[in-house]
PDB file of N, CA and C in Angstrom:
ATOM      1  N   UNK A   1       8.802  -2.404  13.756  1.00  0.00           N
ATOM      2  CA  UNK A   1      10.243  -1.599  14.239  1.00  0.00           C
ATOM      3  C   UNK A   1      10.346  -0.329  13.745  1.00  0.00           C
ATOM      4  N   UNK A   2      11.001   0.650  14.515  1.00  0.00           N
ATOM      5  CA  UNK A   2      11.190   1.660  13.802  1.00  0.00           C
ATOM      6  C   UNK A   2      12.440   1.972  13.555  1.00  0.00           C
ATOM      7  N   UNK A   3      12.575   2.930  12.534  1.00  0.00           N
ATOM      8  CA  UNK A   3      14.253   3.428  12.276  1.00  0.00           C
ATOM      9  C   UNK A   3      14.949   3.328  13.012  1.00  0.00           C
ATOM     10  N   UNK A   4      14.574   4.012  14.065  1.00  0.00           N
ATOM     11  CA  UNK A   4      15.649   4.397  15.307  1.00  0.00           C
ATOM     12  C   UNK A   4      16.439   3.115  16.098  1.00  0.00           C
ATOM     13  N   UNK A   5      15.657   1.870  15.712  1.00  0.00           N
ATOM     14  CA  UNK A   5      16.034   0.758  16.551  1.00  0.00           C
ATOM     15  C   UNK A   5      17.179   0.255  15.761  1.00  0.00           C
ATOM     16  N   UNK A   6      17.584   0.615  14.431  1.00  0.00           N
ATOM     17  CA  UNK A   6      18.430  -0.175  13.536  1.00  0.00           C
ATOM     18  C   UNK A   6      19.686   0.744  13.749  1.00  0.00           C
ATOM     19  N   UNK A   7      19.619   1.843  14.288  1.00  0.00           N
ATOM     20  CA  UNK A   7      20.677   2.976  14.039  1.00  0.00           C
ATOM     21  C   UNK A   7      22.148   2.424  14.917  1.00  0.00           C
ATOM     22  N   UNK A   8      22.040   1.725  15.707  1.00  0.00           N
ATOM     23  CA  UNK A   8      22.990   1.376  16.690  1.00  0.00           C
ATOM     24  C   UNK A   8      23.597  -0.182  16.278  1.00  0.00           C
ATOM     25  N   UNK A   9      23.146  -0.826  15.001  1.00  0.00           N
ATOM     26  CA  UNK A   9      23.460  -2.264  14.714  1.00  0.00           C
ATOM     27  C   UNK A   9      24.653  -2.007  13.722  1.00  0.00           C
ATOM     28  N   UNK A  10      25.328  -2.856  13.356  1.00  0.00           N
ATOM     29  CA  UNK A  10      26.282  -3.199  12.588  1.00  0.00           C
ATOM     30  C   UNK A  10      25.588  -3.609  11.062  1.00  0.00           C
ATOM     31  N   UNK A  11      26.545  -3.761   9.737  1.00  0.00           N
ATOM     32  CA  UNK A  11      25.682  -3.888   8.738  1.00  0.00           C
ATOM     33  C   UNK A  11      25.631  -5.540   8.882  1.00  0.00           C
ATOM     34  N   UNK A  12      26.684  -6.302   9.443  1.00  0.00           N
ATOM     35  CA  UNK A  12      26.369  -7.914   9.511  1.00  0.00           C
ATOM     36  C   UNK A  12      25.182  -8.180  10.224  1.00  0.00           C
ATOM     37  N   UNK A  13      24.466  -7.456  11.656  1.00  0.00           N
ATOM     38  CA  UNK A  13      23.869  -7.813  12.353  1.00  0.00           C
ATOM     39  C   UNK A  13      22.316  -7.342  11.622  1.00  0.00           C
ATOM     40  N   UNK A  14      22.581  -6.121  10.728  1.00  0.00           N
ATOM     41  CA  UNK A  14      21.356  -5.868   9.880  1.00  0.00           C
ATOM     42  C   UNK A  14      20.984  -6.654   9.001  1.00  0.00           C
ATOM     43  N   UNK A  15      22.015  -7.306   8.334  1.00  0.00           N
ATOM     44  CA  UNK A  15      21.847  -8.293   7.274  1.00  0.00           C
ATOM     45  C   UNK A  15      21.182  -9.623   7.617  1.00  0.00           C
ATOM     46  N   UNK A  16      21.848  -9.936   8.921  1.00  0.00           N
ATOM     47  CA  UNK A  16      21.184 -11.193   9.531  1.00  0.00           C
ATOM     48  C   UNK A  16      19.606 -11.142   9.945  1.00  0.00           C
ATOM     49  N   UNK A  17      19.424  -9.946  10.430  1.00  0.00           N
ATOM     50  CA  UNK A  17      18.033  -9.478  10.484  1.00  0.00           C
ATOM     51  C   UNK A  17      17.046  -9.395   9.401  1.00  0.00           C
ATOM     52  N   UNK A  18      17.767  -8.737   8.283  1.00  0.00           N
ATOM     53  CA  UNK A  18      16.944  -8.701   6.972  1.00  0.00           C
ATOM     54  C   UNK A  18      16.705 -10.300   6.360  1.00  0.00           C
ATOM     55  N   UNK A  19      17.759 -11.205   6.469  1.00  0.00           N
ATOM     56  CA  UNK A  19      17.423 -12.425   6.231  1.00  0.00           C
ATOM     57  C   UNK A  19      16.251 -13.220   7.019  1.00  0.00           C
ATOM     58  N   UNK A  20      16.250 -13.068   8.159  1.00  0.00           N
ATOM     59  CA  UNK A  20      15.179 -13.415   9.264  1.00  0.00           C
ATOM     60  C   UNK A  20      13.820 -13.109   8.862  1.00  0.00           C
ATOM     61  N   UNK A  21      13.846 -11.618   8.447  1.00  0.00           N
ATOM     62  CA  UNK A  21      12.411 -10.909   8.096  1.00  0.00           C
ATOM     63  C   UNK A  21      11.904 -11.660   6.851  1.00  0.00           C
ATOM     64  N   UNK A  22      12.986 -11.850   5.614  1.00  0.00           N
ATOM     65  CA  UNK A  22      12.424 -12.576   4.451  1.00  0.00           C
ATOM     66  C   UNK A  22      12.089 -13.892   4.675  1.00  0.00           C
ATOM     67  N   UNK A  23      12.324 -14.616   5.538  1.00  0.00           N
ATOM     68  CA  UNK A  23      12.140 -15.982   6.120  1.00  0.00           C
ATOM     69  C   UNK A  23      10.750 -15.849   6.574  1.00  0.00           C
ATOM     70  N   UNK A  24      10.404 -14.756   7.598  1.00  0.00           N
ATOM     71  CA  UNK A  24       9.067 -14.715   7.944  1.00  0.00           C
ATOM     72  C   UNK A  24       8.171 -14.422   6.863  1.00  0.00           C
ATOM     73  N   UNK A  25       8.482 -13.506   5.894  1.00  0.00           N
ATOM     74  CA  UNK A  25       7.541 -13.041   4.856  1.00  0.00           C
ATOM     75  C   UNK A  25       7.160 -14.142   4.264  1.00  0.00           C
ATOM     76  N   UNK A  26       8.218 -15.086   3.811  1.00  0.00           N
ATOM     77  CA  UNK A  26       8.021 -16.631   2.976  1.00  0.00           C
ATOM     78  C   UNK A  26       6.953 -17.333   3.847  1.00  0.00           C
ATOM     79  N   UNK A  27       7.142 -17.447   5.068  1.00  0.00           N
ATOM     80  CA  UNK A  27       6.337 -18.101   6.030  1.00  0.00           C
ATOM     81  C   UNK A  27       4.864 -17.574   5.754  1.00  0.00           C
ATOM     82  N   UNK A  28       4.934 -16.139   6.052  1.00  0.00           N
ATOM     83  CA  UNK A  28       3.540 -15.583   5.818  1.00  0.00           C
ATOM     84  C   UNK A  28       2.956 -15.633   4.718  1.00  0.00           C
ATOM     85  N   UNK A  29       3.444 -16.040   3.561  1.00  0.00           N
ATOM     86  CA  UNK A  29       2.945 -15.884   2.055  1.00  0.00           C
ATOM     87  C   UNK A  29       2.598 -17.203   1.877  1.00  0.00           C
ATOM     88  N   UNK A  30       3.073 -18.131   2.417  1.00  0.00           N
ATOM     89  CA  UNK A  30       2.329 -19.753   2.353  1.00  0.00           C
ATOM     90  C   UNK A  30       1.597 -19.647   3.105  1.00  0.00           C
ATOM     91  N   UNK A  31       1.265 -19.095   4.407  1.00  0.00           N
ATOM     92  CA  UNK A  31      -0.095 -19.160   5.008  1.00  0.00           C
ATOM     93  C   UNK A  31      -1.057 -18.287   4.450  1.00  0.00           C
ATOM     94  N   UNK A  32      -0.873 -17.319   3.791  1.00  0.00           N
ATOM     95  CA  UNK A  32      -1.801 -16.568   2.909  1.00  0.00           C
ATOM     96  C   UNK A  32      -2.367 -17.642   1.903  1.00  0.00           C
ATOM     97  N   UNK A  33      -1.265 -18.176   1.084  1.00  0.00           N
ATOM     98  CA  UNK A  33      -1.757 -18.949  -0.133  1.00  0.00           C
ATOM     99  C   UNK A  33      -2.828 -20.392   0.582  1.00  0.00           C
ATOM    100  N   UNK A  34      -2.449 -20.533   1.723  1.00  0.00           N
ATOM    101  CA  UNK A  34      -3.645 -21.670   2.232  1.00  0.00           C
ATOM    102  C   UNK A  34      -4.727 -20.965   3.098  1.00  0.00           C
ATOM    103  N   UNK A  35      -4.829 -19.879   2.709  1.00  0.00           N
ATOM    104  CA  UNK A  35      -5.903 -19.369   3.414  1.00  0.00           C
ATOM    105  C   UNK A  35      -5.991 -19.276   5.138  1.00  0.00           C
ATOM    106  N   UNK A  36      -4.718 -19.308   5.647  1.00  0.00           N
ATOM    107  CA  UNK A  36      -4.593 -19.584   7.159  1.00  0.00           C
ATOM    108  C   UNK A  36      -3.956 -18.012   7.642  1.00  0.00           C
ATOM    109  N   UNK A  37      -3.580 -17.223   7.273  1.00  0.00           N
ATOM    110  CA  UNK A  37      -3.161 -15.811   7.353  1.00  0.00           C
ATOM    111  C   UNK A  37      -4.266 -14.907   8.069  1.00  0.00           C
ATOM    112  N   UNK A  38      -4.035 -14.930   9.489  1.00  0.00           N
ATOM    113  CA  UNK A  38      -4.981 -14.327  10.242  1.00  0.00           C
ATOM    114  C   UNK A  38      -4.920 -12.608  10.127  1.00  0.00           C
ATOM    115  N   UNK A  39      -3.551 -12.221  10.102  1.00  0.00           N
ATOM    116  CA  UNK A  39      -3.500 -10.711   9.966  1.00  0.00           C
ATOM    117  C   UNK A  39      -2.719 -10.500   8.646  1.00  0.00           C
ATOM    118  N   UNK A  40      -3.289  -9.972   7.736  1.00  0.00           N
ATOM    119  CA  UNK A  40      -2.704  -9.654   6.360  1.00  0.00           C
ATOM    120  C   UNK A  40      -1.755  -8.477   6.542  1.00  0.00           C
ATOM    121  N   UNK A  41      -2.120  -7.673   7.592  1.00  0.00           N
ATOM    122  CA  UNK A  41      -1.099  -6.595   7.631  1.00  0.00           C
ATOM    123  C   UNK A  41       0.349  -6.616   8.120  1.00  0.00           C
ATOM    124  N   UNK A  42       0.637  -7.890   8.552  1.00  0.00           N
ATOM    125  CA  UNK A  42       1.870  -8.427   9.079  1.00  0.00           C
ATOM    126  C   UNK A  42       2.676  -8.389   7.701  1.00  0.00           C
ATOM    127  N   UNK A  43       2.343  -8.961   6.429  1.00  0.00           N
ATOM    128  CA  UNK A  43       2.973  -8.481   5.505  1.00  0.00           C
ATOM    129  C   UNK A  43       3.574  -7.497   4.903  1.00  0.00           C
ATOM    130  N   UNK A  44       2.461  -6.486   5.241  1.00  0.00           N
ATOM    131  CA  UNK A  44       2.932  -5.048   4.852  1.00  0.00           C
ATOM    132  C   UNK A  44       4.035  -4.587   5.724  1.00  0.00           C
ATOM    133  N   UNK A  45       3.975  -4.917   7.156  1.00  0.00           N
ATOM    134  CA  UNK A  45       4.736  -4.308   8.209  1.00  0.00           C
ATOM    135  C   UNK A  45       6.133  -5.091   7.984  1.00  0.00           C
ATOM    136  N   UNK A  46       6.424  -6.355   7.724  1.00  0.00           N
ATOM    137  CA  UNK A  46       7.504  -7.094   7.588  1.00  0.00           C
ATOM    138  C   UNK A  46       8.135  -6.203   6.010  1.00  0.00           C
ATOM    139  N   UNK A  47       7.449  -6.087   5.266  1.00  0.00           N
ATOM    140  CA  UNK A  47       7.836  -5.393   3.893  1.00  0.00           C
ATOM    141  C   UNK A  47       8.647  -3.900   4.132  1.00  0.00           C
ATOM    142  N   UNK A  48       7.655  -3.174   5.039  1.00  0.00           N
ATOM    143  CA  UNK A  48       8.348  -1.863   5.673  1.00  0.00           C
ATOM    144  C   UNK A  48       9.486  -1.960   6.461  1.00  0.00           C
ATOM    145  N   UNK A  49       9.497  -3.049   7.246  1.00  0.00           N
ATOM    146  CA  UNK A  49      10.545  -3.476   8.172  1.00  0.00           C
ATOM    147  C   UNK A  49      11.955  -3.683   7.003  1.00  0.00           C
ATOM    148  N   UNK A  50      11.818  -4.464   6.223  1.00  0.00           N
ATOM    149  CA  UNK A  50      12.936  -4.589   5.421  1.00  0.00           C
ATOM    150  C   UNK A  50      13.545  -3.501   4.635  1.00  0.00           C
ATOM    151  N   UNK A  51      12.570  -2.821   3.966  1.00  0.00           N
ATOM    152  CA  UNK A  51      12.885  -1.560   3.097  1.00  0.00           C
ATOM    153  C   UNK A  51      13.728  -0.633   4.287  1.00  0.00           C
ATOM    154  N   UNK A  52      13.320  -0.577   5.479  1.00  0.00           N
ATOM    155  CA  UNK A  52      14.115   0.236   6.824  1.00  0.00           C
ATOM    156  C   UNK A  52      15.459  -0.324   6.882  1.00  0.00           C
ATOM    157  N   UNK A  53      15.707  -1.610   6.998  1.00  0.00           N
ATOM    158  CA  UNK A  53      16.925  -2.399   7.003  1.00  0.00           C
ATOM    159  C   UNK A  53      17.646  -2.139   6.084  1.00  0.00           C
ATOM    160  N   UNK A  54      17.415  -2.525   4.834  1.00  0.00           N
ATOM    161  CA  UNK A  54      18.059  -2.275   3.621  1.00  0.00           C
ATOM    162  C   UNK A  54      18.358  -0.789   3.540  1.00  0.00           C
ATOM    163  N   UNK A  55      17.634   0.265   3.946  1.00  0.00           N
ATOM    164  CA  UNK A  55      17.854   1.741   3.762  1.00  0.00           C
ATOM    165  C   UNK A  55      19.244   1.800   4.495  1.00  0.00           C
ATOM    166  N   UNK A  56      19.067   1.588   6.048  1.00  0.00           N
ATOM    167  CA  UNK A  56      19.798   1.327   7.034  1.00  0.00           C
ATOM    168  C   UNK A  56      21.411   1.275   6.573  1.00  0.00           C
ATOM    169  N   UNK A  57      21.433  -0.302   6.011  1.00  0.00           N
ATOM    170  CA  UNK A  57      22.601  -0.758   5.459  1.00  0.00           C
ATOM    171  C   UNK A  57      23.405   0.005   4.248  1.00  0.00           C
ATOM    172  N   UNK A  58      22.505   0.610   3.366  1.00  0.00           N
ATOM    173  CA  UNK A  58      23.039   1.546   2.357  1.00  0.00           C
ATOM    174  C   UNK A  58      23.712   2.829   2.831  1.00  0.00           C
ATOM    175  N   UNK A  59      23.031   3.345   3.975  1.00  0.00           N
ATOM    176  CA  UNK A  59      23.772   4.732   4.678  1.00  0.00           C
ATOM    177  C   UNK A  59      24.775   3.976   5.147  1.00  0.00           C
ATOM    178  N   UNK A  60      25.031   3.009   5.628  1.00  0.00           N
ATOM    179  CA  UNK A  60      26.421   2.507   6.227  1.00  0.00           C
ATOM    180  C   UNK A  60      27.198   2.315   5.708  1.00  0.00           C
ATOM    181  N   UNK A  61      26.856   1.633   4.292  1.00  0.00           N
ATOM    182  CA  UNK A  61      27.983   1.314   3.506  1.00  0.00           C
ATOM    183  C   UNK A  61      28.384   2.983   2.785  1.00  0.00           C
ATOM    184  N   UNK A  62      27.621   3.765   2.681  1.00  0.00           N
ATOM    185  CA  UNK A  62      27.644   4.832   1.917  1.00  0.00           C
ATOM    186  C   UNK A  62      28.861   5.559   2.797  1.00  0.00           C
ATOM    187  N   UNK A  63      28.577   5.825   4.252  1.00  0.00           N
ATOM    188  CA  UNK A  63      29.526   6.333   5.044  1.00  0.00           C
ATOM    189  C   UNK A  63      30.970   5.583   5.014  1.00  0.00           C
ATOM    190  N   UNK A  64      30.693   4.686   5.132  1.00  0.00           N
ATOM    191  CA  UNK A  64      32.071   3.670   5.004  1.00  0.00           C
ATOM    192  C   UNK A  64      32.810   4.050   3.665  1.00  0.00           C
ATOM    193  N   UNK A  65      32.172   4.193   2.552  1.00  0.00           N
ATOM    194  CA  UNK A  65      33.094   4.442   1.531  1.00  0.00           C
ATOM    195  C   UNK A  65      33.328   5.926   1.146  1.00  0.00           C
ATOM    196  N   UNK A  66      32.638   6.732   1.953  1.00  0.00           N
ATOM    197  CA  UNK A  66      32.946   7.971   2.181  1.00  0.00           C
ATOM    198  C   UNK A  66      34.156   8.403   3.023  1.00  0.00           C
ATOM    199  N   UNK A  67      34.552   7.531   3.946  1.00  0.00           N
ATOM    200  CA  UNK A  67      35.401   7.732   4.702  1.00  0.00           C
ATOM    201  C   UNK A  67      36.821   7.404   4.317  1.00  0.00           C
ATOM    202  N   UNK A  68      36.733   6.124   3.197  1.00  0.00           N
ATOM    203  CA  UNK A  68      37.685   5.635   2.657  1.00  0.00           C
ATOM    204  C   UNK A  68      38.649   6.832   1.805  1.00  0.00           C
ATOM    205  N   UNK A  69      37.747   7.767   1.120  1.00  0.00           N
ATOM    206  CA  UNK A  69      38.353   8.572   0.053  1.00  0.00           C
ATOM    207  C   UNK A  69      39.038   9.520   1.028  1.00  0.00           C
TER     208      UNK A  69
END
Protein backbone atom coordinates (compact mmCIF):
# COMPACT_ATOMS: atom_id res chain seq x y z
CA UNK A 1 0.00 0.00 0.00
CA UNK A 2 1.08 3.54 -0.59
CA UNK A 3 1.21 6.22 2.07
CA UNK A 4 -1.39 8.28 0.21
CA UNK A 5 -3.95 5.52 0.81
CA UNK A 6 -3.78 6.17 4.57
CA UNK A 7 -4.27 9.94 4.50
CA UNK A 8 -8.08 9.93 4.66
CA UNK A 9 -8.44 7.34 7.43
CA UNK A 10 -8.98 7.99 11.12
CA UNK A 11 -6.72 6.83 13.94
CA UNK A 12 -9.16 4.07 14.88
CA UNK A 13 -9.30 2.74 11.32
CA UNK A 14 -5.52 2.84 11.07
CA UNK A 15 -5.11 1.02 14.38
CA UNK A 16 -7.47 -1.71 13.20
CA UNK A 17 -5.58 -2.00 9.92
CA UNK A 18 -2.28 -2.20 11.81
CA UNK A 19 -3.63 -5.02 13.96
CA UNK A 20 -4.74 -6.92 10.86
CA UNK A 21 -1.33 -6.48 9.21
CA UNK A 22 0.43 -7.70 12.36
CA UNK A 23 -1.79 -10.80 12.38
CA UNK A 24 -0.88 -11.37 8.73
CA UNK A 25 2.83 -11.16 9.59
CA UNK A 26 2.32 -13.71 12.35
CA UNK A 27 0.70 -16.12 9.90
CA UNK A 28 3.45 -15.61 7.33
CA UNK A 29 6.15 -16.18 9.94
CA UNK A 30 4.54 -19.49 10.84
CA UNK A 31 4.54 -20.43 7.17
CA UNK A 32 8.17 -19.40 6.90
CA UNK A 33 9.14 -21.52 9.89
CA UNK A 34 7.54 -24.55 8.29
CA UNK A 35 9.12 -23.76 4.89
CA UNK A 36 5.74 -23.15 3.24
CA UNK A 37 6.16 -19.45 2.49
CA UNK A 38 6.08 -18.91 -1.27
CA UNK A 39 6.91 -15.19 -1.40
CA UNK A 40 9.38 -14.08 1.29
CA UNK A 41 9.04 -10.51 0.04
CA UNK A 42 5.54 -10.43 1.54
CA UNK A 43 7.06 -10.13 5.00
CA UNK A 44 9.11 -7.10 4.00
CA UNK A 45 6.12 -5.45 2.33
CA UNK A 46 3.94 -5.99 5.40
CA UNK A 47 6.58 -4.55 7.72
CA UNK A 48 6.79 -1.48 5.51
CA UNK A 49 3.01 -1.13 5.43
CA UNK A 50 2.90 -1.27 9.22
CA UNK A 51 5.61 1.39 9.41
CA UNK A 52 3.60 3.62 7.07
CA UNK A 53 0.46 3.11 9.15
CA UNK A 54 2.26 3.85 12.43
CA UNK A 55 3.83 6.95 10.90
CA UNK A 56 0.41 8.23 9.85
CA UNK A 57 -1.02 7.49 13.31
CA UNK A 58 1.77 9.48 14.97
CA UNK A 59 1.21 12.35 12.53
CA UNK A 60 -2.50 12.45 13.35
CA UNK A 61 -1.81 12.34 17.09
CA UNK A 62 0.73 15.14 16.75
CA UNK A 63 -1.76 17.27 14.80
CA UNK A 64 -4.44 16.64 17.40
CA UNK A 65 -2.01 17.58 20.18
CA UNK A 66 -1.00 20.77 18.40
CA UNK A 67 -4.61 21.86 17.95
CA UNK A 68 -5.37 21.39 21.64
CA UNK A 69 -2.70 23.95 22.66
